[in-house]
Structure formats: C-alpha cells, structure tokens
Amino acid sequence: MGMAKRVRLLGFGLAGAALFAVPNAARADEVFFAGSTSGGFNAQAAGATNTLLGLTFRNSTFSGTTSNGFLGIGNTAMPATPNVDNLGSFTLSGTPNNYGSFAAPTNTFTLMVTFTAPPGISGGQTKTYTAFVSGSVTSNDVGGVFVDFNNAPQTYTFNNGTTSGQFTFWVNDVSVIAGGTSAITGTIISASQTTVPEPASMTLLGTGLAGIVAARRRKAKK
C-alpha cells in the first residue's frame, strides 16, 4: 500500500472515530420536567398555602416527560392525592363573600413555579405568573370564583452543560365552585433538547479533520 493511501486511510479513521464519538449532538430529544409551586394573594408572600376570604391556595409538586414536545401538567379533576402532578389547587368555601367584579377585578394571585428539571433555565429556575381573582359566593354550590391568569405563552431556554434546549409554557385559567376544589394546570409545547458535545469529543473530531487536511496537502505536493 502506498504512503499517500495509508495517510488517507489514517485521516479517515481519525475523522470517523471522532464522528462516532460525538453523542447524538444533532438529535432532538424529549424533555423531563419536575418542580414545585408556591403562591400568594395580593401582597401576601408566596407560600405553600395562602387564603383570600374563603378561597385557599395549596401548593403542589409535578413531574412528567414530553411526547412530541408536549406535556400537560395536571387534570381539572383532583387526583386521589390532591396536590401531586399539578400546579396546586384552589378550595372555595361556601361562606358568603364578594371576590370582586369581573369587569374591574381588584384581587390578584401570584403563582411561582420552580423547575428542578430541566436545570440551567436562562434567568433562573423560578418563574412567576400573575392572575386576577373575581367572583361571588352565596352558599355551597351557589356562586364561585374565576382565577384569570395572564397565560400568554412564554418561551424559555436552558443549558446545563450536558443538554441544551427550549420549551414554551403557560398556566391555564381556573374556575372553582363554592364548596369545591379545582386544580391549577399548565401546558408545555415545543419542548426539545440536544446533547452538548463533550470537549474531548470535539478535540477528537478536530484531530480527525486535521488528519484529512494534512493527507490532502501531502497528496497535492506529489
């Protein structure tokens, strides 16, 4: 075998090894999400539980993996364990109360969502979502409350050194009848992540490409 041919094979071998060493750098993967919530009405500090008149917020934990970039967090029907796999809940007593006008609401609610996964979200792991609260209660099953979130979709990016990606998230509005409990739910769309190539893999790729270039230069000189 001639010298030029051996050099060409060596360069190809190094490049081939480097390409196989890069771990799925171009493939988009599904994303695992997990986290917890806290909240407060008006000027209250966000906490695990808070109350406005007869309306009580309780926090929750959640987790799940996207399918084709989509994940629904929580169901409107409360699960056997009320505050798991949703964004919390509202319980409304049947005590007569006025929670404000729909046309000009004065009460607010702030929900804080803290993502434990994926890590590395740009701007921090805790995100804040605000809502107006309105409604009226006369007795059990008479009246209710509407929690109207500013649910414009928000897009986030993340990079934790191992994976990088993005997702779009919003919190859904909630209605709760007097004497009842309703879960707070959320929606994630367009979620994807890719593996970040390790420095060693990139070095090996660079070495392989350098081998190809060197072999071609030697061949051109002959």
C-alpha atoms as a PDB file:
ATOM      1  CA  MET A   1       0.000   0.000   0.000  1.00  0.00           C
ATOM      2  CA  GLY A   2       1.409   3.415  -0.997  1.00  0.00           C
ATOM      3  CA  MET A   3       2.281   6.098   1.555  1.00  0.00           C
ATOM      4  CA  ALA A   4      -0.369   8.537   0.273  1.00  0.00           C
ATOM      5  CA  LYS A   5      -3.067   5.870   0.538  1.00  0.00           C
ATOM      6  CA  ARG A   6      -2.018   4.976   4.099  1.00  0.00           C
ATOM      7  CA  VAL A   7      -2.179   8.658   5.091  1.00  0.00           C
ATOM      8  CA  ARG A   8      -5.624   8.998   3.557  1.00  0.00           C
ATOM      9  CA  LEU A   9      -6.869   5.962   5.472  1.00  0.00           C
ATOM     10  CA  LEU A  10      -5.328   7.269   8.705  1.00  0.00           C
ATOM     11  CA  GLY A  11      -7.053  10.630   8.283  1.00  0.00           C
ATOM     12  CA  PHE A  12     -10.371   8.942   7.526  1.00  0.00           C
ATOM     13  CA  GLY A  13     -10.023   6.655  10.525  1.00  0.00           C
ATOM     14  CA  LEU A  14      -9.427   9.543  12.908  1.00  0.00           C
ATOM     15  CA  ALA A  15     -12.319  11.536  11.484  1.00  0.00           C
ATOM     16  CA  GLY A  16     -14.622   8.510  11.539  1.00  0.00           C
ATOM     17  CA  ALA A  17     -13.747   7.787  15.156  1.00  0.00           C
ATOM     18  CA  ALA A  18     -14.413  11.397  16.067  1.00  0.00           C
ATOM     19  CA  LEU A  19     -17.778  11.436  14.369  1.00  0.00           C
ATOM     20  CA  PHE A  20     -18.898   8.296  16.173  1.00  0.00           C
ATOM     21  CA  ALA A  21     -17.653   9.735  19.467  1.00  0.00           C
ATOM     22  CA  VAL A  22     -19.993  12.764  19.341  1.00  0.00           C
ATOM     23  CA  PRO A  23     -23.055  11.666  21.413  1.00  0.00           C
ATOM     24  CA  ASN A  24     -26.168  12.378  19.327  1.00  0.00           C
ATOM     25  CA  ALA A  25     -25.265  16.059  19.014  1.00  0.00           C
ATOM     26  CA  ALA A  26     -27.837  16.739  16.282  1.00  0.00           C
ATOM     27  CA  ARG A  27     -30.769  14.707  17.622  1.00  0.00           C
ATOM     28  CA  ALA A  28     -33.648  16.457  19.404  1.00  0.00           C
ATOM     29  CA  ASP A  29     -34.821  14.536  22.475  1.00  0.00           C
ATOM     30  CA  GLU A  30     -37.895  14.649  24.705  1.00  0.00           C
ATOM     31  CA  VAL A  31     -37.584  16.679  27.912  1.00  0.00           C
ATOM     32  CA  PHE A  32     -38.222  15.600  31.522  1.00  0.00           C
ATOM     33  CA  PHE A  33     -39.834  18.274  33.724  1.00  0.00           C
ATOM     34  CA  ALA A  34     -40.166  18.382  37.512  1.00  0.00           C
ATOM     35  CA  GLY A  35     -40.765  21.081  40.080  1.00  0.00           C
ATOM     36  CA  SER A  36     -42.956  22.608  42.752  1.00  0.00           C
ATOM     37  CA  THR A  37     -45.153  25.666  43.250  1.00  0.00           C
ATOM     38  CA  SER A  38     -45.983  28.340  45.820  1.00  0.00           C
ATOM     39  CA  GLY A  39     -48.378  31.270  45.728  1.00  0.00           C
ATOM     40  CA  GLY A  40     -49.998  34.229  47.410  1.00  0.00           C
ATOM     41  CA  PHE A  41     -52.929  36.655  47.085  1.00  0.00           C
ATOM     42  CA  ASN A  42     -52.469  40.406  46.720  1.00  0.00           C
ATOM     43  CA  ALA A  43     -49.460  41.425  48.873  1.00  0.00           C
ATOM     44  CA  GLN A  44     -49.003  38.017  50.540  1.00  0.00           C
ATOM     45  CA  ALA A  45     -45.576  36.387  50.244  1.00  0.00           C
ATOM     46  CA  ALA A  46     -45.680  33.259  48.100  1.00  0.00           C
ATOM     47  CA  GLY A  47     -46.057  30.207  50.318  1.00  0.00           C
ATOM     48  CA  ALA A  48     -47.206  26.596  50.444  1.00  0.00           C
ATOM     49  CA  THR A  49     -50.679  27.778  51.440  1.00  0.00           C
ATOM     50  CA  ASN A  50     -52.429  31.179  51.480  1.00  0.00           C
ATOM     51  CA  THR A  51     -56.020  32.394  51.834  1.00  0.00           C
ATOM     52  CA  LEU A  52     -58.172  35.227  50.479  1.00  0.00           C
ATOM     53  CA  LEU A  53     -61.524  35.350  52.321  1.00  0.00           C
ATOM     54  CA  GLY A  54     -62.868  31.808  51.736  1.00  0.00           C
ATOM     55  CA  LEU A  55     -60.514  30.964  48.850  1.00  0.00           C
ATOM     56  CA  THR A  56     -57.458  28.877  49.801  1.00  0.00           C
ATOM     57  CA  PHE A  57     -54.427  28.052  47.652  1.00  0.00           C
ATOM     58  CA  ARG A  58     -52.350  24.942  48.354  1.00  0.00           C
ATOM     59  CA  ASN A  59     -49.094  24.197  46.575  1.00  0.00           C
ATOM     60  CA  SER A  60     -48.039  21.056  44.709  1.00  0.00           C
ATOM     61  CA  THR A  61     -45.224  19.119  43.062  1.00  0.00           C
ATOM     62  CA  PHE A  62     -45.200  17.865  39.483  1.00  0.00           C
ATOM     63  CA  SER A  63     -43.152  15.763  37.073  1.00  0.00           C
ATOM     64  CA  GLY A  64     -43.515  14.307  33.584  1.00  0.00           C
ATOM     65  CA  THR A  65     -41.839  13.773  30.209  1.00  0.00           C
ATOM     66  CA  THR A  66     -42.939  15.344  26.939  1.00  0.00           C
ATOM     67  CA  SER A  67     -44.282  13.411  23.962  1.00  0.00           C
ATOM     68  CA  ASN A  68     -43.529  15.079  20.631  1.00  0.00           C
ATOM     69  CA  GLY A  69     -42.590  18.142  22.663  1.00  0.00           C
ATOM     70  CA  PHE A  70     -45.950  18.322  24.531  1.00  0.00           C
ATOM     71  CA  LEU A  71     -46.752  17.882  28.237  1.00  0.00           C
ATOM     72  CA  GLY A  72     -49.985  18.657  30.068  1.00  0.00           C
ATOM     73  CA  ILE A  73     -49.452  19.304  33.787  1.00  0.00           C
ATOM     74  CA  GLY A  74     -52.408  18.318  35.971  1.00  0.00           C
ATOM     75  CA  ASN A  75     -56.072  17.469  35.445  1.00  0.00           C
ATOM     76  CA  THR A  76     -59.090  19.582  36.390  1.00  0.00           C
ATOM     77  CA  ALA A  77     -60.441  16.601  38.354  1.00  0.00           C
ATOM     78  CA  MET A  78     -58.486  16.279  41.605  1.00  0.00           C
ATOM     79  CA  PRO A  79     -56.441  13.062  41.925  1.00  0.00           C
ATOM     80  CA  ALA A  80     -56.556  10.782  44.977  1.00  0.00           C
ATOM     81  CA  THR A  81     -53.559  12.676  46.342  1.00  0.00           C
ATOM     82  CA  PRO A  82     -54.805  16.251  45.719  1.00  0.00           C
ATOM     83  CA  ASN A  83     -51.614  18.233  45.224  1.00  0.00           C
ATOM     84  CA  VAL A  84     -49.376  15.940  43.199  1.00  0.00           C
ATOM     85  CA  ASP A  85     -48.700  16.294  39.450  1.00  0.00           C
ATOM     86  CA  ASN A  86     -50.429  19.640  39.116  1.00  0.00           C
ATOM     87  CA  LEU A  87     -49.519  23.259  39.871  1.00  0.00           C
ATOM     88  CA  GLY A  88     -51.509  23.423  43.107  1.00  0.00           C
ATOM     89  CA  SER A  89     -55.204  23.854  43.869  1.00  0.00           C
ATOM     90  CA  PHE A  90     -57.878  26.315  44.975  1.00  0.00           C
ATOM     91  CA  THR A  91     -60.507  25.367  47.566  1.00  0.00           C
ATOM     92  CA  LEU A  92     -63.506  27.693  47.899  1.00  0.00           C
ATOM     93  CA  SER A  93     -65.730  27.671  50.983  1.00  0.00           C
ATOM     94  CA  GLY A  94     -69.482  28.291  50.865  1.00  0.00           C
ATOM     95  CA  THR A  95     -69.193  31.295  53.179  1.00  0.00           C
ATOM     96  CA  PRO A  96     -70.841  34.330  51.561  1.00  0.00           C
ATOM     97  CA  ASN A  97     -68.170  36.643  50.135  1.00  0.00           C
ATOM     98  CA  ASN A  98     -67.606  39.048  47.267  1.00  0.00           C
ATOM     99  CA  TYR A  99     -64.273  38.465  45.490  1.00  0.00           C
ATOM    100  CA  GLY A 100     -64.520  41.382  43.079  1.00  0.00           C
ATOM    101  CA  SER A 101     -66.011  42.354  39.742  1.00  0.00           C
ATOM    102  CA  PHE A 102     -65.181  40.524  36.520  1.00  0.00           C
ATOM    103  CA  ALA A 103     -65.176  43.865  34.698  1.00  0.00           C
ATOM    104  CA  ALA A 104     -62.787  45.552  37.138  1.00  0.00           C
ATOM    105  CA  PRO A 105     -61.072  42.940  39.350  1.00  0.00           C
ATOM    106  CA  THR A 106     -59.082  44.220  42.329  1.00  0.00           C
ATOM    107  CA  ASN A 107     -57.732  40.993  43.846  1.00  0.00           C
ATOM    108  CA  THR A 108     -54.653  39.315  42.418  1.00  0.00           C
ATOM    109  CA  PHE A 109     -52.897  35.969  42.789  1.00  0.00           C
ATOM    110  CA  THR A 110     -49.241  35.230  42.078  1.00  0.00           C
ATOM    111  CA  LEU A 111     -48.084  31.689  41.293  1.00  0.00           C
ATOM    112  CA  MET A 112     -44.390  30.855  41.499  1.00  0.00           C
ATOM    113  CA  VAL A 113     -43.274  27.761  39.578  1.00  0.00           C
ATOM    114  CA  THR A 114     -39.826  26.409  40.480  1.00  0.00           C
ATOM    115  CA  PHE A 115     -38.413  23.930  37.973  1.00  0.00           C
ATOM    116  CA  THR A 116     -35.958  21.368  39.357  1.00  0.00           C
ATOM    117  CA  ALA A 117     -35.734  19.824  35.871  1.00  0.00           C
ATOM    118  CA  PRO A 118     -34.519  20.698  33.359  1.00  0.00           C
ATOM    119  CA  PRO A 119     -31.722  22.582  35.161  1.00  0.00           C
ATOM    120  CA  GLY A 120     -29.954  25.583  33.646  1.00  0.00           C
ATOM    121  CA  ILE A 121     -33.023  27.633  32.649  1.00  0.00           C
ATOM    122  CA  SER A 122     -31.993  31.072  31.432  1.00  0.00           C
ATOM    123  CA  GLY A 123     -32.851  33.690  34.065  1.00  0.00           C
ATOM    124  CA  GLY A 124     -33.245  31.166  36.893  1.00  0.00           C
ATOM    125  CA  GLN A 125     -35.339  28.128  37.811  1.00  0.00           C
ATOM    126  CA  THR A 126     -38.248  30.065  39.401  1.00  0.00           C
ATOM    127  CA  LYS A 127     -40.834  31.743  37.159  1.00  0.00           C
ATOM    128  CA  THR A 128     -43.744  33.983  38.231  1.00  0.00           C
ATOM    129  CA  TYR A 129     -47.267  34.001  36.771  1.00  0.00           C
ATOM    130  CA  THR A 130     -49.957  36.502  37.784  1.00  0.00           C
ATOM    131  CA  ALA A 131     -53.763  36.321  37.760  1.00  0.00           C
ATOM    132  CA  PHE A 132     -56.835  38.401  38.605  1.00  0.00           C
ATOM    133  CA  VAL A 133     -59.372  36.913  41.034  1.00  0.00           C
ATOM    134  CA  SER A 134     -63.093  37.691  40.811  1.00  0.00           C
ATOM    135  CA  GLY A 135     -66.450  36.160  41.701  1.00  0.00           C
ATOM    136  CA  SER A 136     -69.141  35.913  44.345  1.00  0.00           C
ATOM    137  CA  VAL A 137     -70.366  33.236  46.782  1.00  0.00           C
ATOM    138  CA  THR A 138     -73.763  32.994  48.459  1.00  0.00           C
ATOM    139  CA  SER A 139     -73.557  29.442  49.833  1.00  0.00           C
ATOM    140  CA  ASN A 140     -72.300  25.973  48.848  1.00  0.00           C
ATOM    141  CA  ASP A 141     -72.923  25.335  45.127  1.00  0.00           C
ATOM    142  CA  VAL A 142     -74.141  28.940  44.738  1.00  0.00           C
ATOM    143  CA  GLY A 143     -71.570  31.130  43.005  1.00  0.00           C
ATOM    144  CA  GLY A 144     -67.861  30.686  42.550  1.00  0.00           C
ATOM    145  CA  VAL A 145     -64.515  32.263  41.720  1.00  0.00           C
ATOM    146  CA  PHE A 146     -62.587  32.734  38.484  1.00  0.00           C
ATOM    147  CA  VAL A 147     -58.770  32.959  38.564  1.00  0.00           C
ATOM    148  CA  ASP A 148     -57.770  34.590  35.276  1.00  0.00           C
ATOM    149  CA  PHE A 149     -54.051  34.028  34.589  1.00  0.00           C
ATOM    150  CA  ASN A 150     -52.029  36.108  32.170  1.00  0.00           C
ATOM    151  CA  ASN A 151     -51.473  32.962  30.129  1.00  0.00           C
ATOM    152  CA  ALA A 152     -49.616  34.383  27.161  1.00  0.00           C
ATOM    153  CA  PRO A 153     -47.142  31.641  26.132  1.00  0.00           C
ATOM    154  CA  GLN A 154     -43.617  32.199  27.473  1.00  0.00           C
ATOM    155  CA  THR A 155     -40.613  30.545  25.819  1.00  0.00           C
ATOM    156  CA  TYR A 156     -37.583  29.530  27.884  1.00  0.00           C
ATOM    157  CA  THR A 157     -34.144  28.208  27.002  1.00  0.00           C
ATOM    158  CA  PHE A 158     -31.874  26.045  29.136  1.00  0.00           C
ATOM    159  CA  ASN A 159     -28.288  24.789  29.082  1.00  0.00           C
ATOM    160  CA  ASN A 160     -26.799  22.732  31.906  1.00  0.00           C
ATOM    161  CA  GLY A 161     -23.531  21.717  30.268  1.00  0.00           C
ATOM    162  CA  THR A 162     -24.878  18.277  29.337  1.00  0.00           C
ATOM    163  CA  THR A 163     -28.003  19.200  27.379  1.00  0.00           C
ATOM    164  CA  SER A 164     -29.425  22.384  25.924  1.00  0.00           C
ATOM    165  CA  GLY A 165     -32.898  23.158  24.623  1.00  0.00           C
ATOM    166  CA  GLN A 166     -36.069  25.198  24.931  1.00  0.00           C
ATOM    167  CA  PHE A 167     -39.770  24.967  25.805  1.00  0.00           C
ATOM    168  CA  THR A 168     -42.910  27.121  25.801  1.00  0.00           C
ATOM    169  CA  PHE A 169     -45.075  27.164  28.941  1.00  0.00           C
ATOM    170  CA  TRP A 170     -48.224  28.815  30.257  1.00  0.00           C
ATOM    171  CA  VAL A 171     -50.657  28.442  33.201  1.00  0.00           C
ATOM    172  CA  ASN A 172     -54.325  27.731  32.458  1.00  0.00           C
ATOM    173  CA  ASP A 173     -57.224  29.725  33.932  1.00  0.00           C
ATOM    174  CA  VAL A 174     -59.148  28.176  36.859  1.00  0.00           C
ATOM    175  CA  SER A 175     -62.827  28.234  37.848  1.00  0.00           C
ATOM    176  CA  VAL A 176     -63.938  26.825  41.207  1.00  0.00           C
ATOM    177  CA  ILE A 177     -67.478  26.419  42.517  1.00  0.00           C
ATOM    178  CA  ALA A 178     -68.431  27.367  46.077  1.00  0.00           C
ATOM    179  CA  GLY A 179     -67.740  24.374  48.316  1.00  0.00           C
ATOM    180  CA  GLY A 180     -65.393  22.782  45.769  1.00  0.00           C
ATOM    181  CA  THR A 181     -61.719  22.321  44.875  1.00  0.00           C
ATOM    182  CA  SER A 182     -60.085  22.803  41.465  1.00  0.00           C
ATOM    183  CA  ALA A 183     -56.550  22.031  40.347  1.00  0.00           C
ATOM    184  CA  ILE A 184     -54.233  24.553  38.700  1.00  0.00           C
ATOM    185  CA  THR A 185     -52.969  23.142  35.414  1.00  0.00           C
ATOM    186  CA  GLY A 186     -50.328  24.117  32.883  1.00  0.00           C
ATOM    187  CA  THR A 187     -49.271  23.394  29.324  1.00  0.00           C
ATOM    188  CA  ILE A 188     -45.846  22.823  27.772  1.00  0.00           C
ATOM    189  CA  ILE A 189     -45.364  22.777  23.989  1.00  0.00           C
ATOM    190  CA  SER A 190     -42.416  22.833  21.556  1.00  0.00           C
ATOM    191  CA  ALA A 191     -40.048  21.310  24.128  1.00  0.00           C
ATOM    192  CA  SER A 192     -36.791  19.812  22.821  1.00  0.00           C
ATOM    193  CA  GLN A 193     -33.236  19.261  23.935  1.00  0.00           C
ATOM    194  CA  THR A 194     -29.967  18.131  22.362  1.00  0.00           C
ATOM    195  CA  THR A 195     -26.845  16.644  23.864  1.00  0.00           C
ATOM    196  CA  VAL A 196     -23.972  19.075  24.250  1.00  0.00           C
ATOM    197  CA  PRO A 197     -20.796  17.519  22.737  1.00  0.00           C
ATOM    198  CA  GLU A 198     -18.087  16.856  25.313  1.00  0.00           C
ATOM    199  CA  PRO A 199     -14.801  18.797  24.891  1.00  0.00           C
ATOM    200  CA  ALA A 200     -12.862  15.539  24.380  1.00  0.00           C
ATOM    201  CA  SER A 201     -15.188  14.574  21.528  1.00  0.00           C
ATOM    202  CA  MET A 202     -14.733  17.942  19.868  1.00  0.00           C
ATOM    203  CA  THR A 203     -10.941  17.636  20.214  1.00  0.00           C
ATOM    204  CA  LEU A 204     -11.021  14.183  18.631  1.00  0.00           C
ATOM    205  CA  LEU A 205     -13.182  15.493  15.791  1.00  0.00           C
ATOM    206  CA  GLY A 206     -10.734  18.331  15.218  1.00  0.00           C
ATOM    207  CA  THR A 207      -7.816  15.877  15.163  1.00  0.00           C
ATOM    208  CA  GLY A 208      -9.554  13.703  12.576  1.00  0.00           C
ATOM    209  CA  LEU A 209     -10.335  16.661  10.334  1.00  0.00           C
ATOM    210  CA  ALA A 210      -6.748  17.874  10.653  1.00  0.00           C
ATOM    211  CA  GLY A 211      -5.583  14.445   9.510  1.00  0.00           C
ATOM    212  CA  ILE A 212      -7.711  14.642   6.385  1.00  0.00           C
ATOM    213  CA  VAL A 213      -6.417  18.122   5.562  1.00  0.00           C
ATOM    214  CA  ALA A 214      -2.780  17.060   6.070  1.00  0.00           C
ATOM    215  CA  ALA A 215      -3.206  13.993   3.868  1.00  0.00           C
ATOM    216  CA  ARG A 216      -4.706  16.057   1.045  1.00  0.00           C
ATOM    217  CA  ARG A 217      -1.855  18.569   1.233  1.00  0.00           C
ATOM    218  CA  ARG A 218       0.766  15.812   1.016  1.00  0.00           C
ATOM    219  CA  LYS A 219      -1.029  14.289  -1.941  1.00  0.00           C
ATOM    220  CA  ALA A 220      -1.155  17.657  -3.711  1.00  0.00           C
ATOM    221  CA  LYS A 221       2.614  18.111  -3.328  1.00  0.00           C
ATOM    222  CA  LYS A 222       3.414  14.757  -5.049  1.00  0.00           C
END
